[in-house]
PDB file of N, CA and C in Angstrom:
ATOM      1  N   MET A   1     -22.601  33.465 -10.392  1.00  0.00           N
ATOM      2  CA  MET A   1     -21.339  32.958  -9.908  1.00  0.00           C
ATOM      3  C   MET A   1     -21.408  32.809  -8.390  1.00  0.00           C
ATOM      4  N   ALA A   2     -20.861  31.729  -7.881  1.00  0.00           N
ATOM      5  CA  ALA A   2     -20.916  31.475  -6.447  1.00  0.00           C
ATOM      6  C   ALA A   2     -19.846  32.278  -5.715  1.00  0.00           C
ATOM      7  N   VAL A   3     -20.271  32.958  -4.668  1.00  0.00           N
ATOM      8  CA  VAL A   3     -19.350  33.733  -3.845  1.00  0.00           C
ATOM      9  C   VAL A   3     -19.537  33.289  -2.405  1.00  0.00           C
ATOM     10  N   GLN A   4     -18.452  32.998  -1.731  1.00  0.00           N
ATOM     11  CA  GLN A   4     -18.568  32.537  -0.346  1.00  0.00           C
ATOM     12  C   GLN A   4     -19.049  33.660   0.556  1.00  0.00           C
ATOM     13  N   LYS A   5     -19.820  33.283   1.564  1.00  0.00           N
ATOM     14  CA  LYS A   5     -20.397  34.271   2.462  1.00  0.00           C
ATOM     15  C   LYS A   5     -19.368  34.760   3.480  1.00  0.00           C
ATOM     16  N   SER A   6     -18.552  33.829   3.966  1.00  0.00           N
ATOM     17  CA  SER A   6     -17.521  34.213   4.929  1.00  0.00           C
ATOM     18  C   SER A   6     -16.259  33.400   4.662  1.00  0.00           C
ATOM     19  N   ARG A   7     -15.167  33.936   5.144  1.00  0.00           N
ATOM     20  CA  ARG A   7     -13.861  33.327   4.897  1.00  0.00           C
ATOM     21  C   ARG A   7     -13.699  32.028   5.695  1.00  0.00           C
ATOM     22  N   ARG A   8     -13.086  31.024   5.067  1.00  0.00           N
ATOM     23  CA  ARG A   8     -12.767  29.762   5.747  1.00  0.00           C
ATOM     24  C   ARG A   8     -11.523  29.967   6.601  1.00  0.00           C
ATOM     25  N   THR A   9     -11.537  29.487   7.815  1.00  0.00           N
ATOM     26  CA  THR A   9     -10.404  29.646   8.716  1.00  0.00           C
ATOM     27  C   THR A   9      -9.301  28.640   8.372  1.00  0.00           C
ATOM     28  N   PRO A  10      -8.069  28.923   8.776  1.00  0.00           N
ATOM     29  CA  PRO A  10      -6.984  27.959   8.547  1.00  0.00           C
ATOM     30  C   PRO A  10      -7.246  26.612   9.214  1.00  0.00           C
ATOM     31  N   SER A  11      -7.954  26.629  10.344  1.00  0.00           N
ATOM     32  CA  SER A  11      -8.285  25.381  11.042  1.00  0.00           C
ATOM     33  C   SER A  11      -9.213  24.512  10.198  1.00  0.00           C
ATOM     34  N   THR A  12     -10.240  25.127   9.630  1.00  0.00           N
ATOM     35  CA  THR A  12     -11.185  24.395   8.786  1.00  0.00           C
ATOM     36  C   THR A  12     -10.493  23.869   7.541  1.00  0.00           C
ATOM     37  N   ARG A  13      -9.629  24.689   6.956  1.00  0.00           N
ATOM     38  CA  ARG A  13      -8.876  24.267   5.778  1.00  0.00           C
ATOM     39  C   ARG A  13      -7.993  23.073   6.116  1.00  0.00           C
ATOM     40  N   GLY A  14      -7.347  23.112   7.275  1.00  0.00           N
ATOM     41  CA  GLY A  14      -6.492  22.003   7.692  1.00  0.00           C
ATOM     42  C   GLY A  14      -7.269  20.731   7.946  1.00  0.00           C
ATOM     43  N   MET A  15      -8.467  20.853   8.522  1.00  0.00           N
ATOM     44  CA  MET A  15      -9.296  19.667   8.759  1.00  0.00           C
ATOM     45  C   MET A  15      -9.731  19.030   7.446  1.00  0.00           C
ATOM     46  N   ARG A  16     -10.013  19.858   6.448  1.00  0.00           N
ATOM     47  CA  ARG A  16     -10.412  19.327   5.142  1.00  0.00           C
ATOM     48  C   ARG A  16      -9.246  18.602   4.475  1.00  0.00           C
ATOM     49  N   ARG A  17      -8.034  19.134   4.634  1.00  0.00           N
ATOM     50  CA  ARG A  17      -6.854  18.556   3.996  1.00  0.00           C
ATOM     51  C   ARG A  17      -6.243  17.400   4.784  1.00  0.00           C
ATOM     52  N   ALA A  18      -6.803  17.057   5.906  1.00  0.00           N
ATOM     53  CA  ALA A  18      -6.205  16.053   6.792  1.00  0.00           C
ATOM     54  C   ALA A  18      -6.057  14.694   6.119  1.00  0.00           C
ATOM     55  N   HIS A  19      -6.913  14.361   5.173  1.00  0.00           N
ATOM     56  CA  HIS A  19      -6.884  13.050   4.532  1.00  0.00           C
ATOM     57  C   HIS A  19      -6.246  13.075   3.148  1.00  0.00           C
ATOM     58  N   ASP A  20      -5.679  14.203   2.742  1.00  0.00           N
ATOM     59  CA  ASP A  20      -5.102  14.337   1.403  1.00  0.00           C
ATOM     60  C   ASP A  20      -3.660  13.875   1.311  1.00  0.00           C
ATOM     61  N   ARG A  21      -3.051  13.495   2.418  1.00  0.00           N
ATOM     62  CA  ARG A  21      -1.639  13.097   2.397  1.00  0.00           C
ATOM     63  C   ARG A  21      -1.477  11.742   1.704  1.00  0.00           C
ATOM     64  N   LEU A  22      -0.271  11.462   1.256  1.00  0.00           N
ATOM     65  CA  LEU A  22       0.015  10.187   0.615  1.00  0.00           C
ATOM     66  C   LEU A  22       0.088   9.087   1.663  1.00  0.00           C
ATOM     67  N   GLN A  23      -0.470   7.950   1.349  1.00  0.00           N
ATOM     68  CA  GLN A  23      -0.467   6.817   2.261  1.00  0.00           C
ATOM     69  C   GLN A  23       0.682   5.879   1.917  1.00  0.00           C
ATOM     70  N   LYS A  24       1.323   5.309   2.922  1.00  0.00           N
ATOM     71  CA  LYS A  24       2.341   4.307   2.682  1.00  0.00           C
ATOM     72  C   LYS A  24       1.641   2.994   2.338  1.00  0.00           C
ATOM     73  N   PRO A  25       2.201   2.209   1.408  1.00  0.00           N
ATOM     74  CA  PRO A  25       1.551   0.949   1.065  1.00  0.00           C
ATOM     75  C   PRO A  25       1.577  -0.020   2.241  1.00  0.00           C
ATOM     76  N   ALA A  26       0.495  -0.740   2.418  1.00  0.00           N
ATOM     77  CA  ALA A  26       0.412  -1.731   3.488  1.00  0.00           C
ATOM     78  C   ALA A  26       1.299  -2.916   3.124  1.00  0.00           C
ATOM     79  N   VAL A  27       2.190  -3.293   4.022  1.00  0.00           N
ATOM     80  CA  VAL A  27       3.114  -4.388   3.746  1.00  0.00           C
ATOM     81  C   VAL A  27       2.840  -5.555   4.680  1.00  0.00           C
ATOM     82  N   SER A  28       3.249  -6.725   4.250  1.00  0.00           N
ATOM     83  CA  SER A  28       3.056  -7.945   5.004  1.00  0.00           C
ATOM     84  C   SER A  28       4.341  -8.764   4.934  1.00  0.00           C
ATOM     85  N   ILE A  29       4.532  -9.645   5.881  1.00  0.00           N
ATOM     86  CA  ILE A  29       5.714 -10.506   5.895  1.00  0.00           C
ATOM     87  C   ILE A  29       5.285 -11.913   5.521  1.00  0.00           C
ATOM     88  N   GLU A  30       5.934 -12.466   4.509  1.00  0.00           N
ATOM     89  CA  GLU A  30       5.635 -13.820   4.045  1.00  0.00           C
ATOM     90  C   GLU A  30       6.079 -14.811   5.123  1.00  0.00           C
ATOM     91  N   PRO A  31       5.178 -15.676   5.609  1.00  0.00           N
ATOM     92  CA  PRO A  31       5.556 -16.591   6.689  1.00  0.00           C
ATOM     93  C   PRO A  31       6.596 -17.640   6.290  1.00  0.00           C
ATOM     94  N   THR A  32       6.644 -18.026   5.025  1.00  0.00           N
ATOM     95  CA  THR A  32       7.580 -19.061   4.588  1.00  0.00           C
ATOM     96  C   THR A  32       8.992 -18.522   4.426  1.00  0.00           C
ATOM     97  N   THR A  33       9.131 -17.402   3.714  1.00  0.00           N
ATOM     98  CA  THR A  33      10.459 -16.879   3.392  1.00  0.00           C
ATOM     99  C   THR A  33      10.871 -15.705   4.271  1.00  0.00           C
ATOM    100  N   GLY A  34       9.920 -15.070   4.966  1.00  0.00           N
ATOM    101  CA  GLY A  34      10.230 -13.905   5.771  1.00  0.00           C
ATOM    102  C   GLY A  34      10.387 -12.640   4.946  1.00  0.00           C
ATOM    103  N   GLU A  35      10.014 -12.689   3.683  1.00  0.00           N
ATOM    104  CA  GLU A  35      10.150 -11.555   2.782  1.00  0.00           C
ATOM    105  C   GLU A  35       9.017 -10.556   2.995  1.00  0.00           C
ATOM    106  N   THR A  36       9.319  -9.278   2.877  1.00  0.00           N
ATOM    107  CA  THR A  36       8.316  -8.227   2.992  1.00  0.00           C
ATOM    108  C   THR A  36       7.737  -7.954   1.611  1.00  0.00           C
ATOM    109  N   HIS A  37       6.402  -7.910   1.536  1.00  0.00           N
ATOM    110  CA  HIS A  37       5.736  -7.656   0.259  1.00  0.00           C
ATOM    111  C   HIS A  37       4.439  -6.912   0.514  1.00  0.00           C
ATOM    112  N   ARG A  38       3.832  -6.361  -0.544  1.00  0.00           N
ATOM    113  CA  ARG A  38       2.561  -5.664  -0.415  1.00  0.00           C
ATOM    114  C   ARG A  38       1.457  -6.648  -0.080  1.00  0.00           C
ATOM    115  N   ARG A  39       0.491  -6.177   0.703  1.00  0.00           N
ATOM    116  CA  ARG A  39      -0.628  -7.027   1.092  1.00  0.00           C
ATOM    117  C   ARG A  39      -1.413  -7.463  -0.136  1.00  0.00           C
ATOM    118  N   HIS A  40      -1.869  -8.712  -0.143  1.00  0.00           N
ATOM    119  CA  HIS A  40      -2.688  -9.288  -1.203  1.00  0.00           C
ATOM    120  C   HIS A  40      -1.946  -9.363  -2.537  1.00  0.00           C
ATOM    121  N   HIS A  41      -0.620  -9.380  -2.509  1.00  0.00           N
ATOM    122  CA  HIS A  41       0.192  -9.523  -3.705  1.00  0.00           C
ATOM    123  C   HIS A  41       1.161 -10.680  -3.513  1.00  0.00           C
ATOM    124  N   VAL A  42       1.560 -11.304  -4.592  1.00  0.00           N
ATOM    125  CA  VAL A  42       2.530 -12.389  -4.550  1.00  0.00           C
ATOM    126  C   VAL A  42       3.908 -11.796  -4.297  1.00  0.00           C
ATOM    127  N   SER A  43       4.726 -12.475  -3.460  1.00  0.00           N
ATOM    128  CA  SER A  43       6.074 -11.984  -3.189  1.00  0.00           C
ATOM    129  C   SER A  43       6.975 -12.253  -4.392  1.00  0.00           C
ATOM    130  N   LYS A  44       8.192 -11.684  -4.374  1.00  0.00           N
ATOM    131  CA  LYS A  44       9.113 -11.857  -5.497  1.00  0.00           C
ATOM    132  C   LYS A  44       9.546 -13.309  -5.661  1.00  0.00           C
ATOM    133  N   ASP A  45       9.516 -14.082  -4.580  1.00  0.00           N
ATOM    134  CA  ASP A  45       9.892 -15.493  -4.658  1.00  0.00           C
ATOM    135  C   ASP A  45       8.754 -16.371  -5.178  1.00  0.00           C
ATOM    136  N   GLY A  46       7.563 -15.783  -5.369  1.00  0.00           N
ATOM    137  CA  GLY A  46       6.435 -16.534  -5.901  1.00  0.00           C
ATOM    138  C   GLY A  46       5.545 -17.135  -4.843  1.00  0.00           C
ATOM    139  N   TYR A  47       5.652 -16.678  -3.592  1.00  0.00           N
ATOM    140  CA  TYR A  47       4.836 -17.215  -2.510  1.00  0.00           C
ATOM    141  C   TYR A  47       3.673 -16.289  -2.209  1.00  0.00           C
ATOM    142  N   TYR A  48       2.541 -16.880  -1.844  1.00  0.00           N
ATOM    143  CA  TYR A  48       1.379 -16.133  -1.396  1.00  0.00           C
ATOM    144  C   TYR A  48       0.740 -16.897  -0.254  1.00  0.00           C
ATOM    145  N   ARG A  49       0.669 -16.273   0.910  1.00  0.00           N
ATOM    146  CA  ARG A  49       0.110 -16.856   2.124  1.00  0.00           C
ATOM    147  C   ARG A  49       0.740 -18.208   2.460  1.00  0.00           C
ATOM    148  N   GLY A  50       2.060 -18.314   2.296  1.00  0.00           N
ATOM    149  CA  GLY A  50       2.789 -19.508   2.695  1.00  0.00           C
ATOM    150  C   GLY A  50       2.846 -20.610   1.659  1.00  0.00           C
ATOM    151  N   LYS A  51       2.236 -20.422   0.505  1.00  0.00           N
ATOM    152  CA  LYS A  51       2.235 -21.452  -0.534  1.00  0.00           C
ATOM    153  C   LYS A  51       2.895 -20.925  -1.799  1.00  0.00           C
ATOM    154  N   LYS A  52       3.594 -21.795  -2.501  1.00  0.00           N
ATOM    155  CA  LYS A  52       4.224 -21.442  -3.767  1.00  0.00           C
ATOM    156  C   LYS A  52       3.144 -21.413  -4.841  1.00  0.00           C
ATOM    157  N   VAL A  53       2.910 -20.229  -5.434  1.00  0.00           N
ATOM    158  CA  VAL A  53       1.846 -20.101  -6.427  1.00  0.00           C
ATOM    159  C   VAL A  53       2.378 -19.754  -7.807  1.00  0.00           C
ATOM    160  N   VAL A  54       3.609 -19.221  -7.891  1.00  0.00           N
ATOM    161  CA  VAL A  54       4.201 -18.840  -9.167  1.00  0.00           C
ATOM    162  C   VAL A  54       5.603 -19.409  -9.223  1.00  0.00           C
ATOM    163  N   GLN A  55       5.924 -20.076 -10.325  1.00  0.00           N
ATOM    164  CA  GLN A  55       7.274 -20.595 -10.491  1.00  0.00           C
ATOM    165  C   GLN A  55       8.175 -19.476 -10.996  1.00  0.00           C
ATOM    166  N   THR A  56       9.249 -19.198 -10.258  1.00  0.00           N
ATOM    167  CA  THR A  56      10.151 -18.115 -10.610  1.00  0.00           C
ATOM    168  C   THR A  56      11.297 -18.642 -11.477  1.00  0.00           C
ATOM    169  N   THR A  57      11.993 -17.728 -12.163  1.00  0.00           N
ATOM    170  CA  THR A  57      13.075 -18.138 -13.059  1.00  0.00           C
ATOM    171  C   THR A  57      14.278 -18.664 -12.266  1.00  0.00           C
ATOM    172  N   VAL A  58      14.507 -18.164 -11.074  1.00  0.00           N
ATOM    173  CA  VAL A  58      15.628 -18.631 -10.250  1.00  0.00           C
ATOM    174  C   VAL A  58      15.396 -20.085  -9.836  1.00  0.00           C
ATOM    175  N   GLU A  59      14.161 -20.421  -9.513  1.00  0.00           N
ATOM    176  CA  GLU A  59      13.844 -21.769  -9.068  1.00  0.00           C
ATOM    177  C   GLU A  59      13.941 -22.769 -10.240  1.00  0.00           C
ATOM    178  N   SER A  60      13.520 -22.364 -11.447  1.00  0.00           N
ATOM    179  CA  SER A  60      13.519 -23.278 -12.571  1.00  0.00           C
ATOM    180  C   SER A  60      14.938 -23.596 -13.047  1.00  0.00           C
ATOM    181  N   ALA A  61      15.913 -22.729 -12.735  1.00  0.00           N
ATOM    182  CA  ALA A  61      17.301 -22.977 -13.144  1.00  0.00           C
ATOM    183  C   ALA A  61      17.979 -24.010 -12.254  1.00  0.00           C
ATOM    184  N   GLU A  62      17.424 -24.256 -11.072  1.00  0.00           N
ATOM    185  CA  GLU A  62      18.045 -25.200 -10.144  1.00  0.00           C
ATOM    186  C   GLU A  62      17.854 -26.635 -10.543  1.00  0.00           C
TER     187      GLU A  62
END
């Protein structure tokens, strides 16, 4: 069975845990509509990088 030779300090423990926190999702602003959306994802209006790529139900009713 493995037994540690010496105790880990709180500083070392904190340095190890420094990257374990939750990350906020990266967001981007759609240049056409100004809508905020996740990076590399289509916005709710169906735009991606300034172009309409998905026809939405709101648009088809017009």
